[in-house]
PDB file of N, CA and C in Angstrom:
ATOM      1  N   UNK A   1      -4.021  13.189 -14.077  1.00  0.00           N
ATOM      2  CA  UNK A   1      -3.657  11.892 -14.035  1.00  0.00           C
ATOM      3  C   UNK A   1      -4.498  11.098 -13.014  1.00  0.00           C
ATOM      4  N   UNK A   2      -4.946   9.947 -13.339  1.00  0.00           N
ATOM      5  CA  UNK A   2      -5.723   9.196 -12.390  1.00  0.00           C
ATOM      6  C   UNK A   2      -4.804   8.466 -11.222  1.00  0.00           C
ATOM      7  N   UNK A   3      -5.524   7.851 -10.323  1.00  0.00           N
ATOM      8  CA  UNK A   3      -4.652   7.197  -9.194  1.00  0.00           C
ATOM      9  C   UNK A   3      -5.567   6.020  -8.665  1.00  0.00           C
ATOM     10  N   UNK A   4      -4.914   5.082  -8.057  1.00  0.00           N
ATOM     11  CA  UNK A   4      -5.526   4.006  -7.323  1.00  0.00           C
ATOM     12  C   UNK A   4      -5.571   4.394  -5.910  1.00  0.00           C
ATOM     13  N   UNK A   5      -6.628   4.141  -5.231  1.00  0.00           N
ATOM     14  CA  UNK A   5      -6.853   4.308  -3.874  1.00  0.00           C
ATOM     15  C   UNK A   5      -7.218   3.045  -3.083  1.00  0.00           C
ATOM     16  N   UNK A   6      -6.424   2.710  -2.152  1.00  0.00           N
ATOM     17  CA  UNK A   6      -6.570   1.544  -1.395  1.00  0.00           C
ATOM     18  C   UNK A   6      -7.332   1.865  -0.036  1.00  0.00           C
ATOM     19  N   UNK A   7      -8.403   1.187   0.328  1.00  0.00           N
ATOM     20  CA  UNK A   7      -9.108   1.353   1.502  1.00  0.00           C
ATOM     21  C   UNK A   7      -9.316   0.156   2.146  1.00  0.00           C
ATOM     22  N   UNK A   8      -9.593   0.076   3.509  1.00  0.00           N
ATOM     23  CA  UNK A   8     -10.054  -1.111   4.256  1.00  0.00           C
ATOM     24  C   UNK A   8     -11.555  -0.971   4.497  1.00  0.00           C
ATOM     25  N   UNK A   9     -12.258  -1.968   4.057  1.00  0.00           N
ATOM     26  CA  UNK A   9     -13.748  -1.884   4.209  1.00  0.00           C
ATOM     27  C   UNK A   9     -14.130  -2.339   5.678  1.00  0.00           C
ATOM     28  N   UNK A  10     -15.475  -2.295   5.920  1.00  0.00           N
ATOM     29  CA  UNK A  10     -15.957  -2.545   7.245  1.00  0.00           C
ATOM     30  C   UNK A  10     -15.530  -3.915   7.696  1.00  0.00           C
ATOM     31  N   UNK A  11     -15.483  -4.947   6.738  1.00  0.00           N
ATOM     32  CA  UNK A  11     -15.041  -6.269   7.023  1.00  0.00           C
ATOM     33  C   UNK A  11     -13.648  -6.513   7.233  1.00  0.00           C
ATOM     34  N   UNK A  12     -12.901  -5.445   7.052  1.00  0.00           N
ATOM     35  CA  UNK A  12     -11.401  -5.577   7.318  1.00  0.00           C
ATOM     36  C   UNK A  12     -10.655  -6.047   5.991  1.00  0.00           C
ATOM     37  N   UNK A  13     -11.336  -6.028   4.886  1.00  0.00           N
ATOM     38  CA  UNK A  13     -10.730  -6.401   3.574  1.00  0.00           C
ATOM     39  C   UNK A  13     -10.304  -5.197   2.870  1.00  0.00           C
ATOM     40  N   UNK A  14      -9.242  -5.429   2.110  1.00  0.00           N
ATOM     41  CA  UNK A  14      -8.640  -4.239   1.351  1.00  0.00           C
ATOM     42  C   UNK A  14      -9.334  -4.233   0.005  1.00  0.00           C
ATOM     43  N   UNK A  15      -9.596  -3.052  -0.484  1.00  0.00           N
ATOM     44  CA  UNK A  15     -10.259  -2.765  -1.821  1.00  0.00           C
ATOM     45  C   UNK A  15      -9.655  -1.557  -2.411  1.00  0.00           C
ATOM     46  N   UNK A  16      -9.581  -1.624  -3.776  1.00  0.00           N
ATOM     47  CA  UNK A  16      -9.000  -0.444  -4.414  1.00  0.00           C
ATOM     48  C   UNK A  16     -10.002   0.083  -5.380  1.00  0.00           C
ATOM     49  N   UNK A  17      -9.874   1.356  -5.630  1.00  0.00           N
ATOM     50  CA  UNK A  17     -10.677   2.100  -6.556  1.00  0.00           C
ATOM     51  C   UNK A  17      -9.648   2.804  -7.542  1.00  0.00           C
ATOM     52  N   UNK A  18      -9.983   2.636  -8.822  1.00  0.00           N
ATOM     53  CA  UNK A  18      -9.265   3.482  -9.811  1.00  0.00           C
ATOM     54  C   UNK A  18     -10.018   4.833 -10.090  1.00  0.00           C
ATOM     55  N   UNK A  19      -9.363   5.947  -9.707  1.00  0.00           N
ATOM     56  CA  UNK A  19     -10.138   7.157 -10.030  1.00  0.00           C
ATOM     57  C   UNK A  19      -9.497   7.959 -11.178  1.00  0.00           C
ATOM     58  N   UNK A  20     -10.374   8.532 -11.981  1.00  0.00           N
ATOM     59  CA  UNK A  20      -9.853   9.441 -13.046  1.00  0.00           C
ATOM     60  C   UNK A  20      -9.384  10.657 -12.521  1.00  0.00           C
ATOM     61  N   UNK A  21      -8.779  11.535 -13.286  1.00  0.00           N
ATOM     62  CA  UNK A  21      -8.188  12.809 -12.841  1.00  0.00           C
ATOM     63  C   UNK A  21      -9.206  13.676 -12.210  1.00  0.00           C
ATOM     64  N   UNK A  22     -10.459  13.539 -12.610  1.00  0.00           N
ATOM     65  CA  UNK A  22     -11.520  14.401 -12.093  1.00  0.00           C
ATOM     66  C   UNK A  22     -12.022  13.909 -10.697  1.00  0.00           C
ATOM     67  N   UNK A  23     -11.468  12.769 -10.298  1.00  0.00           N
ATOM     68  CA  UNK A  23     -11.908  12.183  -8.954  1.00  0.00           C
ATOM     69  C   UNK A  23     -12.984  11.142  -9.052  1.00  0.00           C
ATOM     70  N   UNK A  24     -13.511  10.879 -10.288  1.00  0.00           N
ATOM     71  CA  UNK A  24     -14.607   9.994 -10.467  1.00  0.00           C
ATOM     72  C   UNK A  24     -14.013   8.560 -10.414  1.00  0.00           C
ATOM     73  N   UNK A  25     -14.693   7.608  -9.719  1.00  0.00           N
ATOM     74  CA  UNK A  25     -14.320   6.221  -9.680  1.00  0.00           C
ATOM     75  C   UNK A  25     -14.723   5.582 -11.082  1.00  0.00           C
ATOM     76  N   UNK A  26     -13.694   4.971 -11.611  1.00  0.00           N
ATOM     77  CA  UNK A  26     -13.888   4.352 -12.944  1.00  0.00           C
ATOM     78  C   UNK A  26     -13.776   2.769 -12.900  1.00  0.00           C
ATOM     79  N   UNK A  27     -13.225   2.255 -11.797  1.00  0.00           N
ATOM     80  CA  UNK A  27     -13.089   0.724 -11.581  1.00  0.00           C
ATOM     81  C   UNK A  27     -12.893   0.547 -10.061  1.00  0.00           C
ATOM     82  N   UNK A  28     -13.631  -0.447  -9.646  1.00  0.00           N
ATOM     83  CA  UNK A  28     -13.560  -0.940  -8.223  1.00  0.00           C
ATOM     84  C   UNK A  28     -13.271  -2.472  -8.197  1.00  0.00           C
ATOM     85  N   UNK A  29     -12.602  -2.772  -7.105  1.00  0.00           N
ATOM     86  CA  UNK A  29     -12.162  -4.229  -6.922  1.00  0.00           C
ATOM     87  C   UNK A  29     -13.090  -4.917  -5.962  1.00  0.00           C
ATOM     88  N   UNK A  30     -12.709  -6.145  -5.897  1.00  0.00           N
ATOM     89  CA  UNK A  30     -13.304  -7.051  -4.824  1.00  0.00           C
ATOM     90  C   UNK A  30     -12.622  -6.793  -3.595  1.00  0.00           C
ATOM     91  N   UNK A  31     -12.987  -7.461  -2.583  1.00  0.00           N
ATOM     92  CA  UNK A  31     -12.194  -7.351  -1.149  1.00  0.00           C
ATOM     93  C   UNK A  31     -11.059  -8.370  -1.204  1.00  0.00           C
ATOM     94  N   UNK A  32      -9.948  -7.938  -0.735  1.00  0.00           N
ATOM     95  CA  UNK A  32      -8.877  -8.839  -0.610  1.00  0.00           C
ATOM     96  C   UNK A  32      -8.389  -9.034   0.754  1.00  0.00           C
ATOM     97  N   UNK A  33      -7.942 -10.135   1.113  1.00  0.00           N
ATOM     98  CA  UNK A  33      -7.604 -10.505   2.594  1.00  0.00           C
ATOM     99  C   UNK A  33      -6.365  -9.727   3.033  1.00  0.00           C
ATOM    100  N   UNK A  34      -5.565  -9.457   2.084  1.00  0.00           N
ATOM    101  CA  UNK A  34      -4.164  -8.670   2.529  1.00  0.00           C
ATOM    102  C   UNK A  34      -3.883  -7.609   1.594  1.00  0.00           C
ATOM    103  N   UNK A  35      -3.109  -6.796   2.098  1.00  0.00           N
ATOM    104  CA  UNK A  35      -2.654  -5.577   1.317  1.00  0.00           C
ATOM    105  C   UNK A  35      -1.803  -6.043   0.149  1.00  0.00           C
ATOM    106  N   UNK A  36      -1.010  -7.023   0.371  1.00  0.00           N
ATOM    107  CA  UNK A  36      -0.179  -7.615  -0.678  1.00  0.00           C
ATOM    108  C   UNK A  36      -1.105  -8.125  -1.912  1.00  0.00           C
ATOM    109  N   UNK A  37      -2.100  -8.842  -1.659  1.00  0.00           N
ATOM    110  CA  UNK A  37      -2.984  -9.331  -2.591  1.00  0.00           C
ATOM    111  C   UNK A  37      -3.722  -8.152  -3.246  1.00  0.00           C
ATOM    112  N   UNK A  38      -4.088  -7.148  -2.657  1.00  0.00           N
ATOM    113  CA  UNK A  38      -4.667  -5.954  -3.228  1.00  0.00           C
ATOM    114  C   UNK A  38      -3.807  -5.153  -4.269  1.00  0.00           C
ATOM    115  N   UNK A  39      -2.443  -5.157  -3.775  1.00  0.00           N
ATOM    116  CA  UNK A  39      -1.460  -4.552  -4.553  1.00  0.00           C
ATOM    117  C   UNK A  39      -1.173  -5.465  -5.882  1.00  0.00           C
ATOM    118  N   UNK A  40      -1.367  -6.809  -5.731  1.00  0.00           N
ATOM    119  CA  UNK A  40      -1.162  -7.609  -6.868  1.00  0.00           C
ATOM    120  C   UNK A  40      -2.325  -7.396  -7.786  1.00  0.00           C
ATOM    121  N   UNK A  41      -3.562  -7.223  -7.216  1.00  0.00           N
ATOM    122  CA  UNK A  41      -4.724  -6.919  -8.078  1.00  0.00           C
ATOM    123  C   UNK A  41      -4.535  -5.613  -8.868  1.00  0.00           C
ATOM    124  N   UNK A  42      -3.923  -4.493  -8.246  1.00  0.00           N
ATOM    125  CA  UNK A  42      -3.564  -3.254  -9.025  1.00  0.00           C
ATOM    126  C   UNK A  42      -2.670  -3.560 -10.062  1.00  0.00           C
ATOM    127  N   UNK A  43      -1.614  -4.390  -9.783  1.00  0.00           N
ATOM    128  CA  UNK A  43      -0.563  -4.655 -10.930  1.00  0.00           C
ATOM    129  C   UNK A  43      -1.345  -5.460 -12.075  1.00  0.00           C
ATOM    130  N   UNK A  44      -2.318  -6.217 -11.790  1.00  0.00           N
ATOM    131  CA  UNK A  44      -3.100  -6.910 -12.809  1.00  0.00           C
ATOM    132  C   UNK A  44      -3.876  -5.994 -13.659  1.00  0.00           C
ATOM    133  N   UNK A  45      -4.388  -4.994 -12.900  1.00  0.00           N
ATOM    134  CA  UNK A  45      -5.274  -4.050 -13.642  1.00  0.00           C
ATOM    135  C   UNK A  45      -4.328  -3.291 -14.566  1.00  0.00           C
ATOM    136  N   UNK A  46      -3.116  -2.850 -13.991  1.00  0.00           N
ATOM    137  CA  UNK A  46      -2.141  -2.092 -14.941  1.00  0.00           C
ATOM    138  C   UNK A  46      -1.680  -2.826 -16.159  1.00  0.00           C
ATOM    139  N   UNK A  47      -1.542  -4.104 -16.001  1.00  0.00           N
ATOM    140  CA  UNK A  47      -1.199  -4.874 -17.030  1.00  0.00           C
ATOM    141  C   UNK A  47      -2.280  -5.199 -18.025  1.00  0.00           C
ATOM    142  N   UNK A  48      -3.367  -5.731 -17.511  1.00  0.00           N
ATOM    143  CA  UNK A  48      -4.520  -6.153 -18.416  1.00  0.00           C
ATOM    144  C   UNK A  48      -5.387  -4.988 -19.030  1.00  0.00           C
ATOM    145  N   UNK A  49      -5.182  -3.771 -18.511  1.00  0.00           N
ATOM    146  CA  UNK A  49      -5.978  -2.788 -19.040  1.00  0.00           C
ATOM    147  C   UNK A  49      -5.484  -2.231 -20.390  1.00  0.00           C
ATOM    148  N   UNK A  50      -4.382  -2.734 -20.816  1.00  0.00           N
ATOM    149  CA  UNK A  50      -3.731  -2.318 -22.174  1.00  0.00           C
ATOM    150  C   UNK A  50      -4.402  -3.074 -23.299  1.00  0.00           C
ATOM    151  N   UNK A  51      -5.139  -4.222 -22.872  1.00  0.00           N
ATOM    152  CA  UNK A  51      -5.825  -5.011 -23.994  1.00  0.00           C
ATOM    153  C   UNK A  51      -7.352  -4.861 -23.944  1.00  0.00           C
ATOM    154  N   UNK A  52      -7.872  -4.389 -25.211  1.00  0.00           N
ATOM    155  CA  UNK A  52      -9.317  -4.232 -25.224  1.00  0.00           C
ATOM    156  C   UNK A  52     -10.097  -5.565 -24.956  1.00  0.00           C
ATOM    157  N   UNK A  53      -9.432  -6.739 -25.343  1.00  0.00           N
ATOM    158  CA  UNK A  53     -10.151  -7.931 -25.138  1.00  0.00           C
ATOM    159  C   UNK A  53     -10.326  -8.320 -23.587  1.00  0.00           C
ATOM    160  N   UNK A  54      -9.717  -7.700 -22.774  1.00  0.00           N
ATOM    161  CA  UNK A  54      -9.789  -7.991 -21.356  1.00  0.00           C
ATOM    162  C   UNK A  54     -11.030  -7.304 -20.742  1.00  0.00           C
ATOM    163  N   UNK A  55     -11.700  -6.471 -21.516  1.00  0.00           N
ATOM    164  CA  UNK A  55     -12.898  -5.817 -21.035  1.00  0.00           C
ATOM    165  C   UNK A  55     -14.158  -6.457 -21.406  1.00  0.00           C
ATOM    166  N   UNK A  56     -14.889  -6.975 -20.477  1.00  0.00           N
ATOM    167  CA  UNK A  56     -16.140  -7.688 -20.651  1.00  0.00           C
ATOM    168  C   UNK A  56     -17.243  -6.634 -20.583  1.00  0.00           C
ATOM    169  N   UNK A  57     -17.856  -6.404 -21.732  1.00  0.00           N
ATOM    170  CA  UNK A  57     -18.968  -5.464 -21.720  1.00  0.00           C
ATOM    171  C   UNK A  57     -20.371  -6.148 -21.329  1.00  0.00           C
ATOM    172  N   UNK A  58     -20.924  -5.563 -20.357  1.00  0.00           N
ATOM    173  CA  UNK A  58     -22.208  -6.356 -19.790  1.00  0.00           C
ATOM    174  C   UNK A  58     -23.315  -5.396 -19.710  1.00  0.00           C
ATOM    175  N   UNK A  59     -24.404  -5.951 -19.305  1.00  0.00           N
ATOM    176  CA  UNK A  59     -25.583  -5.165 -19.004  1.00  0.00           C
ATOM    177  C   UNK A  59     -26.324  -5.726 -17.671  1.00  0.00           C
ATOM    178  N   UNK A  60     -26.648  -4.788 -16.754  1.00  0.00           N
ATOM    179  CA  UNK A  60     -27.286  -5.083 -15.546  1.00  0.00           C
ATOM    180  C   UNK A  60     -28.750  -5.557 -15.799  1.00  0.00           C
ATOM    181  N   UNK A  61     -29.328  -6.162 -14.820  1.00  0.00           N
ATOM    182  CA  UNK A  61     -30.710  -6.594 -14.874  1.00  0.00           C
ATOM    183  C   UNK A  61     -31.706  -5.339 -15.257  1.00  0.00           C
ATOM    184  N   UNK A  62     -31.163  -4.203 -14.889  1.00  0.00           N
ATOM    185  CA  UNK A  62     -32.067  -3.044 -15.155  1.00  0.00           C
ATOM    186  C   UNK A  62     -31.695  -2.363 -16.610  1.00  0.00           C
ATOM    187  N   UNK A  63     -30.869  -3.095 -17.283  1.00  0.00           N
ATOM    188  CA  UNK A  63     -30.509  -2.677 -18.702  1.00  0.00           C
ATOM    189  C   UNK A  63     -29.357  -1.632 -18.692  1.00  0.00           C
ATOM    190  N   UNK A  64     -28.764  -1.447 -17.659  1.00  0.00           N
ATOM    191  CA  UNK A  64     -27.618  -0.491 -17.509  1.00  0.00           C
ATOM    192  C   UNK A  64     -26.312  -1.093 -18.093  1.00  0.00           C
ATOM    193  N   UNK A  65     -25.527  -0.488 -18.955  1.00  0.00           N
ATOM    194  CA  UNK A  65     -24.320  -1.093 -19.326  1.00  0.00           C
ATOM    195  C   UNK A  65     -23.230  -0.835 -18.273  1.00  0.00           C
ATOM    196  N   UNK A  66     -22.259  -1.871 -18.202  1.00  0.00           N
ATOM    197  CA  UNK A  66     -21.165  -1.758 -17.315  1.00  0.00           C
ATOM    198  C   UNK A  66     -20.066  -2.680 -17.828  1.00  0.00           C
ATOM    199  N   UNK A  67     -18.934  -2.745 -17.262  1.00  0.00           N
ATOM    200  CA  UNK A  67     -17.910  -3.668 -17.722  1.00  0.00           C
ATOM    201  C   UNK A  67     -17.066  -4.162 -16.558  1.00  0.00           C
ATOM    202  N   UNK A  68     -16.522  -5.415 -16.765  1.00  0.00           N
ATOM    203  CA  UNK A  68     -15.640  -6.091 -15.941  1.00  0.00           C
ATOM    204  C   UNK A  68     -14.278  -6.067 -16.606  1.00  0.00           C
ATOM    205  N   UNK A  69     -13.117  -5.818 -15.928  1.00  0.00           N
ATOM    206  CA  UNK A  69     -11.785  -6.032 -16.466  1.00  0.00           C
ATOM    207  C   UNK A  69     -11.303  -7.401 -15.974  1.00  0.00           C
ATOM    208  N   UNK A  70     -11.087  -8.229 -16.806  1.00  0.00           N
ATOM    209  CA  UNK A  70     -10.675  -9.651 -16.617  1.00  0.00           C
ATOM    210  C   UNK A  70      -9.265  -9.880 -16.761  1.00  0.00           C
ATOM    211  N   UNK A  71      -8.719 -10.730 -15.868  1.00  0.00           N
ATOM    212  CA  UNK A  71      -7.226 -11.190 -15.929  1.00  0.00           C
ATOM    213  C   UNK A  71      -7.209 -12.304 -16.996  1.00  0.00           C
ATOM    214  N   UNK A  72      -5.988 -12.717 -17.259  1.00  0.00           N
ATOM    215  CA  UNK A  72      -5.846 -13.662 -18.351  1.00  0.00           C
ATOM    216  C   UNK A  72      -6.405 -15.040 -17.951  1.00  0.00           C
ATOM    217  N   UNK A  73      -6.564 -15.296 -16.553  1.00  0.00           N
ATOM    218  CA  UNK A  73      -7.197 -16.552 -16.098  1.00  0.00           C
ATOM    219  C   UNK A  73      -8.776 -16.454 -16.176  1.00  0.00           C
ATOM    220  N   UNK A  74      -9.367 -15.338 -16.566  1.00  0.00           N
ATOM    221  CA  UNK A  74     -10.749 -15.177 -16.580  1.00  0.00           C
ATOM    222  C   UNK A  74     -11.370 -14.576 -15.434  1.00  0.00           C
ATOM    223  N   UNK A  75     -10.595 -14.471 -14.350  1.00  0.00           N
ATOM    224  CA  UNK A  75     -11.080 -13.801 -13.144  1.00  0.00           C
ATOM    225  C   UNK A  75     -11.376 -12.335 -13.205  1.00  0.00           C
ATOM    226  N   UNK A  76     -12.538 -11.816 -12.640  1.00  0.00           N
ATOM    227  CA  UNK A  76     -12.684 -10.375 -12.625  1.00  0.00           C
ATOM    228  C   UNK A  76     -11.751  -9.705 -11.687  1.00  0.00           C
ATOM    229  N   UNK A  77     -11.111  -8.684 -12.199  1.00  0.00           N
ATOM    230  CA  UNK A  77     -10.183  -7.862 -11.398  1.00  0.00           C
ATOM    231  C   UNK A  77     -10.832  -6.679 -10.803  1.00  0.00           C
ATOM    232  N   UNK A  78     -11.704  -6.052 -11.642  1.00  0.00           N
ATOM    233  CA  UNK A  78     -12.362  -4.826 -11.298  1.00  0.00           C
ATOM    234  C   UNK A  78     -13.721  -4.710 -11.988  1.00  0.00           C
ATOM    235  N   UNK A  79     -14.583  -3.856 -11.441  1.00  0.00           N
ATOM    236  CA  UNK A  79     -15.913  -3.747 -12.109  1.00  0.00           C
ATOM    237  C   UNK A  79     -16.322  -2.183 -12.138  1.00  0.00           C
ATOM    238  N   UNK A  80     -16.783  -1.728 -13.205  1.00  0.00           N
ATOM    239  CA  UNK A  80     -17.164  -0.386 -13.341  1.00  0.00           C
ATOM    240  C   UNK A  80     -18.463   0.001 -12.596  1.00  0.00           C
ATOM    241  N   UNK A  81     -18.782   1.256 -12.662  1.00  0.00           N
ATOM    242  CA  UNK A  81     -20.094   1.753 -12.271  1.00  0.00           C
ATOM    243  C   UNK A  81     -21.120   1.437 -13.295  1.00  0.00           C
ATOM    244  N   UNK A  82     -22.363   1.528 -12.983  1.00  0.00           N
ATOM    245  CA  UNK A  82     -23.496   1.405 -14.124  1.00  0.00           C
ATOM    246  C   UNK A  82     -23.436   2.759 -14.914  1.00  0.00           C
ATOM    247  N   UNK A  83     -23.682   2.603 -16.206  1.00  0.00           N
ATOM    248  CA  UNK A  83     -23.619   3.769 -17.092  1.00  0.00           C
ATOM    249  C   UNK A  83     -25.027   4.048 -17.667  1.00  0.00           C
ATOM    250  N   UNK A  84     -25.179   5.178 -18.094  1.00  0.00           N
ATOM    251  CA  UNK A  84     -26.443   5.645 -18.728  1.00  0.00           C
ATOM    252  C   UNK A  84     -26.735   5.102 -20.151  1.00  0.00           C
ATOM    253  N   UNK A  85     -25.581   4.752 -20.784  1.00  0.00           N
ATOM    254  CA  UNK A  85     -25.667   4.243 -22.113  1.00  0.00           C
ATOM    255  C   UNK A  85     -24.322   3.674 -22.451  1.00  0.00           C
ATOM    256  N   UNK A  86     -24.365   2.978 -23.718  1.00  0.00           N
ATOM    257  CA  UNK A  86     -23.169   2.143 -24.180  1.00  0.00           C
ATOM    258  C   UNK A  86     -21.950   3.234 -24.379  1.00  0.00           C
ATOM    259  N   UNK A  87     -22.226   4.367 -24.986  1.00  0.00           N
ATOM    260  CA  UNK A  87     -21.135   5.292 -25.355  1.00  0.00           C
ATOM    261  C   UNK A  87     -20.514   5.800 -23.951  1.00  0.00           C
ATOM    262  N   UNK A  88     -21.241   5.925 -23.068  1.00  0.00           N
ATOM    263  CA  UNK A  88     -20.702   6.318 -21.697  1.00  0.00           C
ATOM    264  C   UNK A  88     -19.844   5.198 -21.168  1.00  0.00           C
ATOM    265  N   UNK A  89     -20.298   4.026 -21.374  1.00  0.00           N
ATOM    266  CA  UNK A  89     -19.504   2.881 -20.918  1.00  0.00           C
ATOM    267  C   UNK A  89     -18.139   2.789 -21.637  1.00  0.00           C
ATOM    268  N   UNK A  90     -18.211   2.981 -22.898  1.00  0.00           N
ATOM    269  CA  UNK A  90     -17.013   2.921 -23.776  1.00  0.00           C
ATOM    270  C   UNK A  90     -16.088   4.077 -23.402  1.00  0.00           C
ATOM    271  N   UNK A  91     -16.586   5.158 -23.036  1.00  0.00           N
ATOM    272  CA  UNK A  91     -15.754   6.338 -22.500  1.00  0.00           C
ATOM    273  C   UNK A  91     -15.035   5.791 -21.277  1.00  0.00           C
ATOM    274  N   UNK A  92     -15.711   5.127 -20.340  1.00  0.00           N
ATOM    275  CA  UNK A  92     -15.252   4.597 -19.102  1.00  0.00           C
ATOM    276  C   UNK A  92     -14.126   3.654 -19.314  1.00  0.00           C
ATOM    277  N   UNK A  93     -14.311   2.761 -20.386  1.00  0.00           N
ATOM    278  CA  UNK A  93     -13.212   1.724 -20.649  1.00  0.00           C
ATOM    279  C   UNK A  93     -12.038   2.509 -21.159  1.00  0.00           C
ATOM    280  N   UNK A  94     -12.198   3.490 -22.063  1.00  0.00           N
ATOM    281  CA  UNK A  94     -11.056   4.244 -22.508  1.00  0.00           C
ATOM    282  C   UNK A  94     -10.345   5.042 -21.398  1.00  0.00           C
ATOM    283  N   UNK A  95     -11.059   5.474 -20.449  1.00  0.00           N
ATOM    284  CA  UNK A  95     -10.525   6.170 -19.231  1.00  0.00           C
ATOM    285  C   UNK A  95      -9.613   5.162 -18.414  1.00  0.00           C
ATOM    286  N   UNK A  96     -10.132   3.987 -18.271  1.00  0.00           N
ATOM    287  CA  UNK A  96      -9.252   2.910 -17.647  1.00  0.00           C
ATOM    288  C   UNK A  96      -8.043   2.630 -18.330  1.00  0.00           C
ATOM    289  N   UNK A  97      -8.170   2.495 -19.634  1.00  0.00           N
ATOM    290  CA  UNK A  97      -6.957   2.246 -20.561  1.00  0.00           C
ATOM    291  C   UNK A  97      -5.942   3.337 -20.418  1.00  0.00           C
ATOM    292  N   UNK A  98      -6.446   4.510 -20.328  1.00  0.00           N
ATOM    293  CA  UNK A  98      -5.582   5.778 -20.209  1.00  0.00           C
ATOM    294  C   UNK A  98      -4.915   5.937 -18.911  1.00  0.00           C
ATOM    295  N   UNK A  99      -5.736   5.728 -17.874  1.00  0.00           N
ATOM    296  CA  UNK A  99      -5.354   6.162 -16.523  1.00  0.00           C
ATOM    297  C   UNK A  99      -4.593   4.979 -15.747  1.00  0.00           C
ATOM    298  N   UNK A 100      -4.910   3.718 -16.036  1.00  0.00           N
ATOM    299  CA  UNK A 100      -4.420   2.628 -15.092  1.00  0.00           C
ATOM    300  C   UNK A 100      -2.918   2.465 -15.243  1.00  0.00           C
ATOM    301  N   UNK A 101      -2.435   2.310 -16.439  1.00  0.00           N
ATOM    302  CA  UNK A 101      -0.958   1.814 -16.618  1.00  0.00           C
ATOM    303  C   UNK A 101      -0.025   2.664 -15.687  1.00  0.00           C
ATOM    304  N   UNK A 102      -0.184   3.953 -15.622  1.00  0.00           N
ATOM    305  CA  UNK A 102       0.886   4.776 -14.959  1.00  0.00           C
ATOM    306  C   UNK A 102       0.407   5.362 -13.659  1.00  0.00           C
ATOM    307  N   UNK A 103      -0.823   4.928 -13.133  1.00  0.00           N
ATOM    308  CA  UNK A 103      -1.465   5.558 -11.994  1.00  0.00           C
ATOM    309  C   UNK A 103      -0.796   5.193 -10.718  1.00  0.00           C
ATOM    310  N   UNK A 104      -0.435   6.251  -9.948  1.00  0.00           N
ATOM    311  CA  UNK A 104       0.169   6.066  -8.650  1.00  0.00           C
ATOM    312  C   UNK A 104      -0.778   5.471  -7.631  1.00  0.00           C
ATOM    313  N   UNK A 105      -0.372   4.828  -6.623  1.00  0.00           N
ATOM    314  CA  UNK A 105      -1.149   4.138  -5.614  1.00  0.00           C
ATOM    315  C   UNK A 105      -1.085   5.104  -4.211  1.00  0.00           C
ATOM    316  N   UNK A 106      -2.251   5.225  -3.791  1.00  0.00           N
ATOM    317  CA  UNK A 106      -2.382   5.984  -2.431  1.00  0.00           C
ATOM    318  C   UNK A 106      -3.172   5.013  -1.473  1.00  0.00           C
ATOM    319  N   UNK A 107      -2.588   4.909  -0.327  1.00  0.00           N
ATOM    320  CA  UNK A 107      -3.294   4.134   0.705  1.00  0.00           C
ATOM    321  C   UNK A 107      -3.975   5.110   1.620  1.00  0.00           C
ATOM    322  N   UNK A 108      -5.255   4.821   1.758  1.00  0.00           N
ATOM    323  CA  UNK A 108      -5.980   5.695   2.609  1.00  0.00           C
ATOM    324  C   UNK A 108      -6.302   4.903   3.934  1.00  0.00           C
ATOM    325  N   UNK A 109      -6.448   5.685   5.035  1.00  0.00           N
ATOM    326  CA  UNK A 109      -6.683   4.955   6.396  1.00  0.00           C
ATOM    327  C   UNK A 109      -8.231   4.745   6.505  1.00  0.00           C
TER     328      UNK A 109
END
């Protein structure tokens, strides 16, 4: 089973990563000013990851596929890593859909 990990970055902001069961990061957040807002971001991922339409499939300037998970208001909740190909990106999306809804939250120091 996957899990969310919350860390504090060098700027003192809270960020989360959604990790698959194998420990690979499949979605990363922006920086949040408070733990409460970071937790709201995780709740939004759990809710929005159930709908395929919330995944914006994109391509980097280098031509690498990746995706953003969008909230209902159009705001980016999380961004994936860069993938080697479209099928790998689609596997990443499926992994978020599978892992996010029931993933526990672990706060790291």
